[in-house]
Amino acid sequence: MTYFFRPLAVLAAALAASPAAFAAEGTRVQVRGEIIDTWCYYSGVMGGPESVVGTAHHTCALWCSAGGIPVGLLAEDGTVYMVLKIEGDDGNAGGDTQLSLASHEITADGIHYERDGLNYLVVEEVVTDHGITNVNHEDFGAIPGFAIPDPSK
């Protein structure tokens, strides 16, 4: 039994000794897009992607962020970046900066990482806060109708 665990211990020690060798390299980018609620965007629980952005989804985006759901940045080209950190906030979700930017369109300068087909962004600076530009509650209502449970079911 001891012989079996020895190679594992050696491998674990080698990995711990050089974590930089396995770190992903980031690329500096500047991205413009909307700060979104990633849970509702990816899960579809509140409807399609067009209904979980902007003013129709603002309150839910605040609740999810405050509850620990990571925020994302939905870029103009449709790419979604999982935001790992926004300038000055220690945590990745629920920080004051992220809560104040929910549903806002921003121009972010930061470091982009890609791993296993996912995009991550460490926002080092919010270059411009364009405010909430997607006023879609007029189309979907303050709470989209399809997000209200049908009591007959």
Protein backbone atom coordinates (compact mmCIF):
# COMPACT_ATOMS: atom_id res chain seq x y z
CA MET A 1 0.00 0.00 0.00
CA THR A 2 2.80 2.42 0.85
CA TYR A 3 4.36 1.90 -2.58
CA PHE A 4 1.10 2.95 -4.29
CA PHE A 5 0.78 6.24 -2.41
CA ARG A 6 4.44 7.29 -2.78
CA PRO A 7 4.10 8.34 -6.48
CA LEU A 8 0.94 10.28 -5.62
CA ALA A 9 2.74 12.10 -2.81
CA VAL A 10 5.64 12.95 -5.12
CA LEU A 11 3.24 14.25 -7.79
CA ALA A 12 1.31 16.33 -5.24
CA ALA A 13 4.54 17.84 -3.93
CA ALA A 14 5.70 18.68 -7.45
CA LEU A 15 2.40 20.38 -8.28
CA ALA A 16 2.42 22.37 -5.05
CA ALA A 17 6.02 23.45 -5.56
CA SER A 18 5.40 25.06 -8.94
CA PRO A 19 1.83 26.37 -9.27
CA ALA A 20 2.99 29.11 -11.65
CA ALA A 21 3.84 26.47 -14.22
CA PHE A 22 0.13 25.61 -14.43
CA ALA A 23 -1.30 29.14 -14.23
CA ALA A 24 -3.18 30.42 -17.26
CA GLU A 25 -1.81 33.45 -19.01
CA GLY A 26 -4.17 36.35 -19.36
CA THR A 27 -4.52 38.89 -22.13
CA ARG A 28 -5.28 42.57 -21.56
CA VAL A 29 -8.60 43.48 -23.17
CA GLN A 30 -11.10 46.29 -23.23
CA VAL A 31 -14.69 45.06 -23.43
CA ARG A 32 -17.99 46.93 -23.64
CA GLY A 33 -21.11 45.15 -22.48
CA GLU A 34 -23.80 44.71 -19.83
CA ILE A 35 -23.21 43.39 -16.32
CA ILE A 36 -25.57 40.40 -16.12
CA ASP A 37 -26.85 37.77 -13.71
CA THR A 38 -25.13 34.58 -14.88
CA TRP A 39 -27.51 32.16 -13.16
CA CYS A 40 -30.62 33.37 -14.95
CA TYR A 41 -28.74 33.93 -18.21
CA TYR A 42 -27.36 30.39 -18.42
CA SER A 43 -30.11 28.40 -16.70
CA GLY A 44 -33.02 29.86 -18.65
CA VAL A 45 -35.07 29.82 -15.45
CA MET A 46 -36.46 33.29 -16.16
CA GLY A 47 -36.87 33.00 -19.93
CA GLY A 48 -34.55 33.46 -22.85
CA PRO A 49 -31.37 35.56 -22.91
CA GLU A 50 -33.23 38.64 -24.17
CA SER A 51 -35.40 38.76 -21.04
CA VAL A 52 -32.69 38.38 -18.39
CA VAL A 53 -30.90 41.59 -19.22
CA GLY A 54 -31.69 45.27 -18.84
CA THR A 55 -34.41 46.81 -16.74
CA ALA A 56 -36.73 43.77 -16.95
CA HIS A 57 -34.22 41.79 -14.92
CA HIS A 58 -32.54 44.44 -12.80
CA THR A 59 -34.03 43.52 -9.41
CA CYS A 60 -33.34 39.82 -9.85
CA ALA A 61 -29.77 40.60 -10.93
CA LEU A 62 -29.28 42.48 -7.65
CA TRP A 63 -30.70 39.62 -5.59
CA CYS A 64 -28.56 37.01 -7.33
CA SER A 65 -25.38 39.04 -7.00
CA ALA A 66 -26.04 39.80 -3.34
CA GLY A 67 -26.74 36.09 -2.82
CA GLY A 68 -23.37 35.08 -4.21
CA ILE A 69 -24.12 34.30 -7.84
CA PRO A 70 -21.16 35.49 -9.96
CA VAL A 71 -21.90 38.34 -12.33
CA GLY A 72 -20.97 38.26 -15.97
CA LEU A 73 -20.21 40.76 -18.66
CA LEU A 74 -22.29 40.20 -21.81
CA ALA A 75 -20.15 41.78 -24.51
CA GLU A 76 -21.54 43.51 -27.57
CA ASP A 77 -20.45 40.53 -29.71
CA GLY A 78 -22.44 38.09 -27.51
CA THR A 79 -19.46 36.71 -25.61
CA VAL A 80 -20.16 36.17 -21.91
CA TYR A 81 -17.26 36.74 -19.52
CA MET A 82 -17.54 35.41 -15.97
CA VAL A 83 -16.34 38.34 -13.87
CA LEU A 84 -13.91 37.13 -11.23
CA LYS A 85 -13.33 40.55 -9.72
CA ILE A 86 -14.18 44.18 -10.37
CA GLU A 87 -11.76 46.91 -9.32
CA GLY A 88 -11.69 47.40 -5.59
CA ASP A 89 -14.13 44.64 -4.63
CA ASP A 90 -12.55 41.88 -2.57
CA GLY A 91 -15.23 39.33 -3.35
CA ASN A 92 -16.40 38.13 -6.72
CA ALA A 93 -20.10 38.58 -6.07
CA GLY A 94 -22.15 40.83 -3.87
CA GLY A 95 -19.56 43.55 -3.54
CA ASP A 96 -20.74 47.15 -3.53
CA THR A 97 -19.13 47.89 -6.90
CA GLN A 98 -20.84 44.95 -8.60
CA LEU A 99 -24.19 45.73 -7.03
CA SER A 100 -23.97 49.33 -8.20
CA LEU A 101 -23.21 48.14 -11.75
CA ALA A 102 -25.96 45.50 -12.12
CA SER A 103 -27.66 45.87 -15.52
CA HIS A 104 -25.33 48.74 -16.45
CA GLU A 105 -23.48 48.81 -19.72
CA ILE A 106 -19.82 49.41 -19.02
CA THR A 107 -16.52 49.59 -20.80
CA ALA A 108 -14.11 47.45 -18.80
CA ASP A 109 -10.34 47.25 -19.00
CA GLY A 110 -8.86 44.10 -17.56
CA ILE A 111 -7.31 40.70 -17.98
CA HIS A 112 -9.10 38.00 -19.99
CA TYR A 113 -8.51 34.34 -19.22
CA GLU A 114 -9.89 31.43 -21.20
CA ARG A 115 -10.03 27.89 -19.94
CA ASP A 116 -12.05 24.89 -21.07
CA GLY A 117 -14.06 27.08 -23.45
CA LEU A 118 -15.09 29.56 -20.75
CA ASN A 119 -14.14 33.24 -20.66
CA TYR A 120 -13.16 34.92 -17.41
CA LEU A 121 -12.45 38.58 -16.78
CA VAL A 122 -10.66 40.39 -13.98
CA VAL A 123 -11.83 43.97 -14.38
CA GLU A 124 -8.99 46.24 -13.31
CA GLU A 125 -10.82 49.43 -14.25
CA VAL A 126 -14.34 50.41 -15.24
CA VAL A 127 -13.30 52.89 -17.91
CA THR A 128 -16.84 54.11 -18.55
CA ASP A 129 -20.15 53.41 -16.82
CA HIS A 130 -22.78 54.06 -19.49
CA GLY A 131 -25.60 53.37 -17.02
CA ILE A 132 -28.61 51.19 -17.76
CA THR A 133 -29.06 51.46 -21.51
CA ASN A 134 -31.30 48.43 -22.12
CA VAL A 135 -34.75 49.71 -21.14
CA ASN A 136 -36.68 46.53 -21.90
CA HIS A 137 -39.19 46.46 -19.04
CA GLU A 138 -41.65 48.10 -21.44
CA ASP A 139 -41.51 44.92 -23.54
CA PHE A 140 -41.30 42.32 -20.77
CA GLY A 141 -42.81 44.12 -17.76
CA ALA A 142 -41.13 44.60 -14.40
CA ILE A 143 -41.52 40.84 -13.93
CA PRO A 144 -41.81 38.97 -17.24
CA GLY A 145 -45.11 37.06 -17.41
CA PHE A 146 -43.40 33.76 -18.12
CA ALA A 147 -41.48 34.11 -14.84
CA ILE A 148 -44.70 33.99 -12.79
CA PRO A 149 -45.72 30.43 -11.85
CA ASP A 150 -49.04 29.19 -13.22
CA PRO A 151 -51.13 28.27 -10.12
CA SER A 152 -53.17 25.76 -12.13
CA LYS A 153 -50.13 23.54 -12.67
